[in-house]
C-alpha atoms as a PDB file:
ATOM      1  CA  UNK A   1       0.000   0.000   0.000  1.00  0.00           C
ATOM      2  CA  UNK A   2       1.239   3.483  -0.815  1.00  0.00           C
ATOM      3  CA  UNK A   3       1.570   5.779   2.206  1.00  0.00           C
ATOM      4  CA  UNK A   4      -0.032   9.150   1.406  1.00  0.00           C
ATOM      5  CA  UNK A   5       0.283  10.527   4.945  1.00  0.00           C
ATOM      6  CA  UNK A   6       1.484  14.149   5.131  1.00  0.00           C
ATOM      7  CA  UNK A   7       1.970  14.392   1.360  1.00  0.00           C
ATOM      8  CA  UNK A   8       1.112  17.632  -0.441  1.00  0.00           C
ATOM      9  CA  UNK A   9      -0.351  17.492  -3.959  1.00  0.00           C
ATOM     10  CA  UNK A  10      -0.985  20.148  -6.575  1.00  0.00           C
ATOM     11  CA  UNK A  11      -3.195  19.987  -9.654  1.00  0.00           C
ATOM     12  CA  UNK A  12      -1.296  19.812 -12.960  1.00  0.00           C
ATOM     13  CA  UNK A  13      -4.263  19.154 -15.265  1.00  0.00           C
ATOM     14  CA  UNK A  14      -8.066  19.169 -15.065  1.00  0.00           C
ATOM     15  CA  UNK A  15     -10.949  19.104 -17.516  1.00  0.00           C
ATOM     16  CA  UNK A  16     -12.837  22.373 -18.038  1.00  0.00           C
ATOM     17  CA  UNK A  17     -15.885  21.318 -15.992  1.00  0.00           C
ATOM     18  CA  UNK A  18     -13.732  20.885 -12.869  1.00  0.00           C
ATOM     19  CA  UNK A  19     -13.143  23.527 -10.215  1.00  0.00           C
ATOM     20  CA  UNK A  20      -9.641  22.482  -9.137  1.00  0.00           C
ATOM     21  CA  UNK A  21      -6.768  24.273 -10.845  1.00  0.00           C
ATOM     22  CA  UNK A  22      -3.000  24.726 -10.573  1.00  0.00           C
ATOM     23  CA  UNK A  23      -3.677  26.970  -7.545  1.00  0.00           C
ATOM     24  CA  UNK A  24      -5.420  24.141  -5.654  1.00  0.00           C
ATOM     25  CA  UNK A  25      -3.309  22.402  -2.997  1.00  0.00           C
ATOM     26  CA  UNK A  26      -4.244  19.151  -1.203  1.00  0.00           C
ATOM     27  CA  UNK A  27      -2.777  18.038   2.149  1.00  0.00           C
ATOM     28  CA  UNK A  28      -3.293  14.283   2.511  1.00  0.00           C
ATOM     29  CA  UNK A  29      -3.504  12.417   5.811  1.00  0.00           C
ATOM     30  CA  UNK A  30      -3.681   8.645   6.072  1.00  0.00           C
ATOM     31  CA  UNK A  31      -4.411   6.288   8.965  1.00  0.00           C
ATOM     32  CA  UNK A  32      -4.337   2.644   7.898  1.00  0.00           C
ATOM     33  CA  UNK A  33      -6.299   2.535   4.663  1.00  0.00           C
ATOM     34  CA  UNK A  34      -8.393   5.627   5.470  1.00  0.00           C
ATOM     35  CA  UNK A  35      -7.380   8.784   3.620  1.00  0.00           C
ATOM     36  CA  UNK A  36      -8.524  12.343   4.320  1.00  0.00           C
ATOM     37  CA  UNK A  37      -7.524  15.682   2.882  1.00  0.00           C
ATOM     38  CA  UNK A  38      -8.203  19.357   3.239  1.00  0.00           C
ATOM     39  CA  UNK A  39      -7.710  21.474   0.150  1.00  0.00           C
ATOM     40  CA  UNK A  40      -8.167  25.008  -1.134  1.00  0.00           C
ATOM     41  CA  UNK A  41      -6.957  27.430  -3.769  1.00  0.00           C
ATOM     42  CA  UNK A  42      -8.118  28.854  -7.061  1.00  0.00           C
ATOM     43  CA  UNK A  43     -11.906  28.492  -7.317  1.00  0.00           C
ATOM     44  CA  UNK A  44     -12.041  26.464  -4.075  1.00  0.00           C
ATOM     45  CA  UNK A  45     -12.439  28.296  -0.764  1.00  0.00           C
ATOM     46  CA  UNK A  46     -12.467  25.091   1.317  1.00  0.00           C
ATOM     47  CA  UNK A  47     -12.683  21.416   0.463  1.00  0.00           C
ATOM     48  CA  UNK A  48     -12.477  18.054   2.193  1.00  0.00           C
ATOM     49  CA  UNK A  49     -12.255  14.518   0.930  1.00  0.00           C
ATOM     50  CA  UNK A  50     -12.391  11.080   2.488  1.00  0.00           C
ATOM     51  CA  UNK A  51     -11.390   7.854   0.847  1.00  0.00           C
ATOM     52  CA  UNK A  52     -10.205   4.291   1.116  1.00  0.00           C
ATOM     53  CA  UNK A  53      -6.770   3.278  -0.164  1.00  0.00           C
ATOM     54  CA  UNK A  54      -6.544  -0.186  -1.731  1.00  0.00           C
ATOM     55  CA  UNK A  55      -3.559  -2.541  -1.414  1.00  0.00           C
ATOM     56  CA  UNK A  56      -2.197  -1.271  -4.768  1.00  0.00           C
ATOM     57  CA  UNK A  57      -2.550   2.401  -3.754  1.00  0.00           C
ATOM     58  CA  UNK A  58      -5.711   3.247  -5.685  1.00  0.00           C
ATOM     59  CA  UNK A  59      -8.049   5.630  -3.875  1.00  0.00           C
ATOM     60  CA  UNK A  60     -11.850   5.520  -3.886  1.00  0.00           C
ATOM     61  CA  UNK A  61     -12.979   8.871  -2.509  1.00  0.00           C
ATOM     62  CA  UNK A  62     -15.827  11.273  -1.969  1.00  0.00           C
ATOM     63  CA  UNK A  63     -15.354  15.037  -1.824  1.00  0.00           C
ATOM     64  CA  UNK A  64     -17.221  18.203  -0.953  1.00  0.00           C
ATOM     65  CA  UNK A  65     -16.145  21.802  -1.375  1.00  0.00           C
ATOM     66  CA  UNK A  66     -17.313  25.406  -1.229  1.00  0.00           C
ATOM     67  CA  UNK A  67     -16.392  27.369  -4.345  1.00  0.00           C
ATOM     68  CA  UNK A  68     -15.787  31.117  -4.733  1.00  0.00           C
ATOM     69  CA  UNK A  69     -19.450  31.541  -5.733  1.00  0.00           C
ATOM     70  CA  UNK A  70     -20.438  30.197  -2.299  1.00  0.00           C
ATOM     71  CA  UNK A  71     -21.876  26.968  -3.729  1.00  0.00           C
ATOM     72  CA  UNK A  72     -21.497  23.591  -2.039  1.00  0.00           C
ATOM     73  CA  UNK A  73     -20.287  21.042  -4.605  1.00  0.00           C
ATOM     74  CA  UNK A  74     -19.959  17.277  -4.094  1.00  0.00           C
ATOM     75  CA  UNK A  75     -18.494  14.412  -6.070  1.00  0.00           C
ATOM     76  CA  UNK A  76     -16.848  11.016  -6.316  1.00  0.00           C
ATOM     77  CA  UNK A  77     -13.367  10.222  -7.568  1.00  0.00           C
ATOM     78  CA  UNK A  78     -11.155   7.237  -8.351  1.00  0.00           C
ATOM     79  CA  UNK A  79      -7.398   7.927  -8.250  1.00  0.00           C
ATOM     80  CA  UNK A  80      -4.781   5.645  -9.776  1.00  0.00           C
ATOM     81  CA  UNK A  81      -1.180   6.220  -8.631  1.00  0.00           C
ATOM     82  CA  UNK A  82       1.946   6.403 -10.757  1.00  0.00           C
ATOM     83  CA  UNK A  83       5.373   6.543  -9.107  1.00  0.00           C
ATOM     84  CA  UNK A  84       7.560   9.022 -10.979  1.00  0.00           C
ATOM     85  CA  UNK A  85      11.316   8.489 -11.574  1.00  0.00           C
ATOM     86  CA  UNK A  86      12.070  10.948  -8.739  1.00  0.00           C
ATOM     87  CA  UNK A  87       9.965   8.828  -6.317  1.00  0.00           C
ATOM     88  CA  UNK A  88       7.108  11.330  -6.148  1.00  0.00           C
ATOM     89  CA  UNK A  89       3.495  10.258  -6.700  1.00  0.00           C
ATOM     90  CA  UNK A  90       1.303  11.315  -9.619  1.00  0.00           C
ATOM     91  CA  UNK A  91      -2.418  10.551  -9.313  1.00  0.00           C
ATOM     92  CA  UNK A  92      -4.560  10.031 -12.418  1.00  0.00           C
ATOM     93  CA  UNK A  93      -8.121  10.813 -11.421  1.00  0.00           C
ATOM     94  CA  UNK A  94     -11.534  10.124 -12.913  1.00  0.00           C
ATOM     95  CA  UNK A  95     -14.282  12.018 -11.139  1.00  0.00           C
ATOM     96  CA  UNK A  96     -17.962  12.885 -11.348  1.00  0.00           C
ATOM     97  CA  UNK A  97     -20.053  15.603  -9.767  1.00  0.00           C
ATOM     98  CA  UNK A  98     -22.874  14.232  -7.591  1.00  0.00           C
ATOM     99  CA  UNK A  99     -24.612  17.605  -7.753  1.00  0.00           C
ATOM    100  CA  UNK A 100     -25.231  20.203 -10.448  1.00  0.00           C
ATOM    101  CA  UNK A 101     -24.926  18.797 -13.961  1.00  0.00           C
ATOM    102  CA  UNK A 102     -23.417  15.483 -12.710  1.00  0.00           C
ATOM    103  CA  UNK A 103     -20.788  15.693 -15.436  1.00  0.00           C
ATOM    104  CA  UNK A 104     -17.594  13.655 -15.431  1.00  0.00           C
ATOM    105  CA  UNK A 105     -13.974  14.690 -15.810  1.00  0.00           C
ATOM    106  CA  UNK A 106     -10.347  13.726 -15.493  1.00  0.00           C
ATOM    107  CA  UNK A 107      -7.553  15.394 -13.582  1.00  0.00           C
ATOM    108  CA  UNK A 108      -3.940  14.799 -12.680  1.00  0.00           C
ATOM    109  CA  UNK A 109      -2.300  15.845  -9.430  1.00  0.00           C
ATOM    110  CA  UNK A 110       1.337  15.486  -8.398  1.00  0.00           C
ATOM    111  CA  UNK A 111       3.156  15.353  -5.105  1.00  0.00           C
ATOM    112  CA  UNK A 112       5.226  18.447  -4.329  1.00  0.00           C
END
C-alpha cells in the first residue's frame, strides 16, 4: 500500500468542468487505509475529501467543497497512482459531480 500521509499534492491538469486548478493544494492524511484531505486554492475556498486506499494504492474517494461563488459542490473520484522516476506520486483521477450537472472529468495531481 502506498503511504499518502502528510503528502502535499498540486493539480497539474483538469478538464474544463472541474473547479480544481494549478492553484489548488491538497494536504493528505492517512491512517491505515483511510485517507482524508483538506484542500483550497483557485476556485475552491475550502474542500475536504475522504477515501479508502486499496492494497495497490488506488483511492476511492468522496469530496465536498465550497467554491468562490459560495456553492457547495460534491463528487466522487477514483485515483490511480503512478510513481515518478524521482519517487514522487502522480495521481490520475476520474471524477464525477454528484450535484449540479453530474458531469464527469479527469484530472492529474502530483506530489510536491
